[in-house]
C-alpha atoms as a PDB file:
ATOM      1  CA  UNK A   1       4.233  22.984  -4.529  1.00  0.00           C
ATOM      2  CA  UNK A   2       1.039  22.207  -6.428  1.00  0.00           C
ATOM      3  CA  UNK A   3      -0.486  25.136  -8.225  1.00  0.00           C
ATOM      4  CA  UNK A   4      -3.794  26.601  -6.885  1.00  0.00           C
ATOM      5  CA  UNK A   5      -5.750  25.604  -9.965  1.00  0.00           C
ATOM      6  CA  UNK A   6      -5.007  21.951  -9.177  1.00  0.00           C
ATOM      7  CA  UNK A   7      -6.149  22.090  -5.510  1.00  0.00           C
ATOM      8  CA  UNK A   8      -9.562  21.601  -3.979  1.00  0.00           C
ATOM      9  CA  UNK A   9     -10.184  24.049  -1.102  1.00  0.00           C
ATOM     10  CA  UNK A  10     -12.925  24.692   1.400  1.00  0.00           C
ATOM     11  CA  UNK A  11     -15.961  25.536  -0.651  1.00  0.00           C
ATOM     12  CA  UNK A  12     -15.014  23.129  -3.445  1.00  0.00           C
ATOM     13  CA  UNK A  13     -14.737  20.264  -0.842  1.00  0.00           C
ATOM     14  CA  UNK A  14     -18.113  21.097   0.567  1.00  0.00           C
ATOM     15  CA  UNK A  15     -19.602  21.092  -3.026  1.00  0.00           C
ATOM     16  CA  UNK A  16     -17.853  17.783  -3.633  1.00  0.00           C
ATOM     17  CA  UNK A  17     -19.764  16.127  -0.771  1.00  0.00           C
ATOM     18  CA  UNK A  18     -23.098  17.987  -1.315  1.00  0.00           C
ATOM     19  CA  UNK A  19     -24.911  15.519  -3.662  1.00  0.00           C
ATOM     20  CA  UNK A  20     -22.989  12.356  -2.635  1.00  0.00           C
ATOM     21  CA  UNK A  21     -22.508  11.414  -6.279  1.00  0.00           C
ATOM     22  CA  UNK A  22     -18.876  10.512  -6.044  1.00  0.00           C
ATOM     23  CA  UNK A  23     -17.165   7.136  -6.458  1.00  0.00           C
ATOM     24  CA  UNK A  24     -14.363   5.595  -4.474  1.00  0.00           C
ATOM     25  CA  UNK A  25     -11.324   3.369  -4.832  1.00  0.00           C
ATOM     26  CA  UNK A  26      -9.165   2.180  -2.003  1.00  0.00           C
ATOM     27  CA  UNK A  27      -6.190   0.044  -1.066  1.00  0.00           C
ATOM     28  CA  UNK A  28      -4.309  -0.645   2.102  1.00  0.00           C
ATOM     29  CA  UNK A  29      -2.915   2.927   2.359  1.00  0.00           C
ATOM     30  CA  UNK A  30      -5.328   5.213   0.466  1.00  0.00           C
ATOM     31  CA  UNK A  31      -9.006   5.927  -0.009  1.00  0.00           C
ATOM     32  CA  UNK A  32      -9.698   8.008  -3.048  1.00  0.00           C
ATOM     33  CA  UNK A  33     -12.983   9.742  -3.650  1.00  0.00           C
ATOM     34  CA  UNK A  34     -13.445  11.046  -7.176  1.00  0.00           C
ATOM     35  CA  UNK A  35     -16.046  12.661  -9.289  1.00  0.00           C
ATOM     36  CA  UNK A  36     -16.131  14.309 -12.738  1.00  0.00           C
ATOM     37  CA  UNK A  37     -15.638  18.159 -12.898  1.00  0.00           C
ATOM     38  CA  UNK A  38     -16.490  20.637 -15.616  1.00  0.00           C
ATOM     39  CA  UNK A  39     -12.835  21.900 -15.928  1.00  0.00           C
ATOM     40  CA  UNK A  40     -10.114  20.719 -18.265  1.00  0.00           C
ATOM     41  CA  UNK A  41      -7.798  19.730 -15.491  1.00  0.00           C
ATOM     42  CA  UNK A  42      -7.846  17.583 -12.348  1.00  0.00           C
ATOM     43  CA  UNK A  43      -8.030  18.940  -8.849  1.00  0.00           C
ATOM     44  CA  UNK A  44      -6.720  17.245  -5.689  1.00  0.00           C
ATOM     45  CA  UNK A  45      -7.085  17.427  -1.926  1.00  0.00           C
ATOM     46  CA  UNK A  46      -5.006  15.307   0.442  1.00  0.00           C
ATOM     47  CA  UNK A  47      -6.421  14.542   3.891  1.00  0.00           C
ATOM     48  CA  UNK A  48      -4.316  12.418   6.342  1.00  0.00           C
ATOM     49  CA  UNK A  49      -6.645  11.009   9.028  1.00  0.00           C
ATOM     50  CA  UNK A  50      -6.085  12.846  12.287  1.00  0.00           C
ATOM     51  CA  UNK A  51      -6.870   9.704  14.284  1.00  0.00           C
ATOM     52  CA  UNK A  52      -3.859   7.979  12.836  1.00  0.00           C
ATOM     53  CA  UNK A  53      -1.539  10.886  12.316  1.00  0.00           C
ATOM     54  CA  UNK A  54      -1.723  12.763  15.620  1.00  0.00           C
ATOM     55  CA  UNK A  55       1.059  15.217  14.976  1.00  0.00           C
ATOM     56  CA  UNK A  56       0.752  18.004  12.476  1.00  0.00           C
ATOM     57  CA  UNK A  57       4.326  17.533  11.389  1.00  0.00           C
ATOM     58  CA  UNK A  58       3.456  13.961  10.119  1.00  0.00           C
ATOM     59  CA  UNK A  59       0.330  15.189   8.344  1.00  0.00           C
ATOM     60  CA  UNK A  60       2.091  18.036   6.681  1.00  0.00           C
ATOM     61  CA  UNK A  61       4.986  15.726   5.619  1.00  0.00           C
ATOM     62  CA  UNK A  62       2.582  13.313   3.986  1.00  0.00           C
ATOM     63  CA  UNK A  63       0.729  16.108   2.169  1.00  0.00           C
ATOM     64  CA  UNK A  64       4.056  17.505   0.790  1.00  0.00           C
ATOM     65  CA  UNK A  65       5.067  14.165  -0.474  1.00  0.00           C
ATOM     66  CA  UNK A  66       1.763  13.336  -2.158  1.00  0.00           C
ATOM     67  CA  UNK A  67       1.414  16.793  -3.658  1.00  0.00           C
ATOM     68  CA  UNK A  68       4.927  16.462  -5.043  1.00  0.00           C
ATOM     69  CA  UNK A  69       4.038  13.147  -6.737  1.00  0.00           C
ATOM     70  CA  UNK A  70       0.897  14.683  -8.214  1.00  0.00           C
ATOM     71  CA  UNK A  71       2.752  17.758  -9.401  1.00  0.00           C
ATOM     72  CA  UNK A  72       5.265  15.609 -11.270  1.00  0.00           C
ATOM     73  CA  UNK A  73       2.576  13.598 -12.869  1.00  0.00           C
ATOM     74  CA  UNK A  74       0.737  16.700 -14.042  1.00  0.00           C
ATOM     75  CA  UNK A  75       3.911  18.037 -15.566  1.00  0.00           C
ATOM     76  CA  UNK A  76       4.429  14.781 -17.437  1.00  0.00           C
ATOM     77  CA  UNK A  77       0.974  14.949 -19.038  1.00  0.00           C
ATOM     78  CA  UNK A  78      -1.479  13.525 -16.534  1.00  0.00           C
ATOM     79  CA  UNK A  79      -4.739  15.116 -17.581  1.00  0.00           C
ATOM     80  CA  UNK A  80      -8.065  13.739 -16.271  1.00  0.00           C
ATOM     81  CA  UNK A  81     -10.888  16.163 -15.680  1.00  0.00           C
ATOM     82  CA  UNK A  82     -11.895  14.846 -12.270  1.00  0.00           C
ATOM     83  CA  UNK A  83     -11.810  16.003  -8.670  1.00  0.00           C
ATOM     84  CA  UNK A  84      -9.908  13.735  -6.256  1.00  0.00           C
ATOM     85  CA  UNK A  85      -9.904  13.684  -2.449  1.00  0.00           C
ATOM     86  CA  UNK A  86      -7.145  11.396  -1.148  1.00  0.00           C
ATOM     87  CA  UNK A  87      -7.456  10.078   2.382  1.00  0.00           C
ATOM     88  CA  UNK A  88      -4.240   8.576   3.813  1.00  0.00           C
ATOM     89  CA  UNK A  89      -5.190   5.818   6.237  1.00  0.00           C
ATOM     90  CA  UNK A  90      -2.023   3.949   7.158  1.00  0.00           C
ATOM     91  CA  UNK A  91       0.939   5.159   9.145  1.00  0.00           C
ATOM     92  CA  UNK A  92       3.509   3.050   7.200  1.00  0.00           C
ATOM     93  CA  UNK A  93       3.360   5.750   4.460  1.00  0.00           C
ATOM     94  CA  UNK A  94       5.834   7.795   6.568  1.00  0.00           C
ATOM     95  CA  UNK A  95       8.555   5.070   6.098  1.00  0.00           C
ATOM     96  CA  UNK A  96       7.963   4.320   2.386  1.00  0.00           C
ATOM     97  CA  UNK A  97      10.414   5.612  -0.098  1.00  0.00           C
ATOM     98  CA  UNK A  98       9.261   8.066  -2.848  1.00  0.00           C
ATOM     99  CA  UNK A  99       9.149   5.603  -5.782  1.00  0.00           C
ATOM    100  CA  UNK A 100       7.065   2.989  -3.926  1.00  0.00           C
ATOM    101  CA  UNK A 101       4.663   5.671  -2.812  1.00  0.00           C
ATOM    102  CA  UNK A 102       4.418   7.108  -6.279  1.00  0.00           C
ATOM    103  CA  UNK A 103       3.831   3.713  -7.880  1.00  0.00           C
ATOM    104  CA  UNK A 104       1.078   2.743  -5.383  1.00  0.00           C
ATOM    105  CA  UNK A 105      -0.757   6.152  -5.567  1.00  0.00           C
ATOM    106  CA  UNK A 106      -0.645   6.524  -9.367  1.00  0.00           C
ATOM    107  CA  UNK A 107      -1.754   2.985  -9.929  1.00  0.00           C
ATOM    108  CA  UNK A 108      -4.791   3.613  -7.867  1.00  0.00           C
ATOM    109  CA  UNK A 109      -5.554   7.015  -9.532  1.00  0.00           C
ATOM    110  CA  UNK A 110      -5.016   5.647 -13.095  1.00  0.00           C
ATOM    111  CA  UNK A 111      -7.467   2.851 -12.436  1.00  0.00           C
ATOM    112  CA  UNK A 112     -10.214   5.488 -11.986  1.00  0.00           C
END
C-alpha cells in the first residue's frame, strides 16, 4: 500500500484543478495530469473512469496494481517533486501482466 504522504486526497485534488495550470501526457491506456508541488516527494492519485469500469471490483483492482507499481518505483529511488493524477481509460489494463503495465506507466511518467 502506498504511504499517505505519497497520495493526493480530496482537498489536494480540488487544489490541483483550481488554477488549471497543470500539464498532461497520454497514451492509449493512460491520461496523466501533472503539476509541480512544493514538497520534496511526488504525490499520486489513480482514477479509473467509471464509464469504462462499471464494477467497483475492477476499479479497485486497477488502483491496487498501479499503486503497487508506484510504490516499488519510489522505493527504488524515483523522486520527482510533482503531483500526478492518473486516469485509466482502457479496459485492456485488466488483462495486462504486471511487467507490461509497469513499463508502459513508468515510461509515460518519466517522460514528464
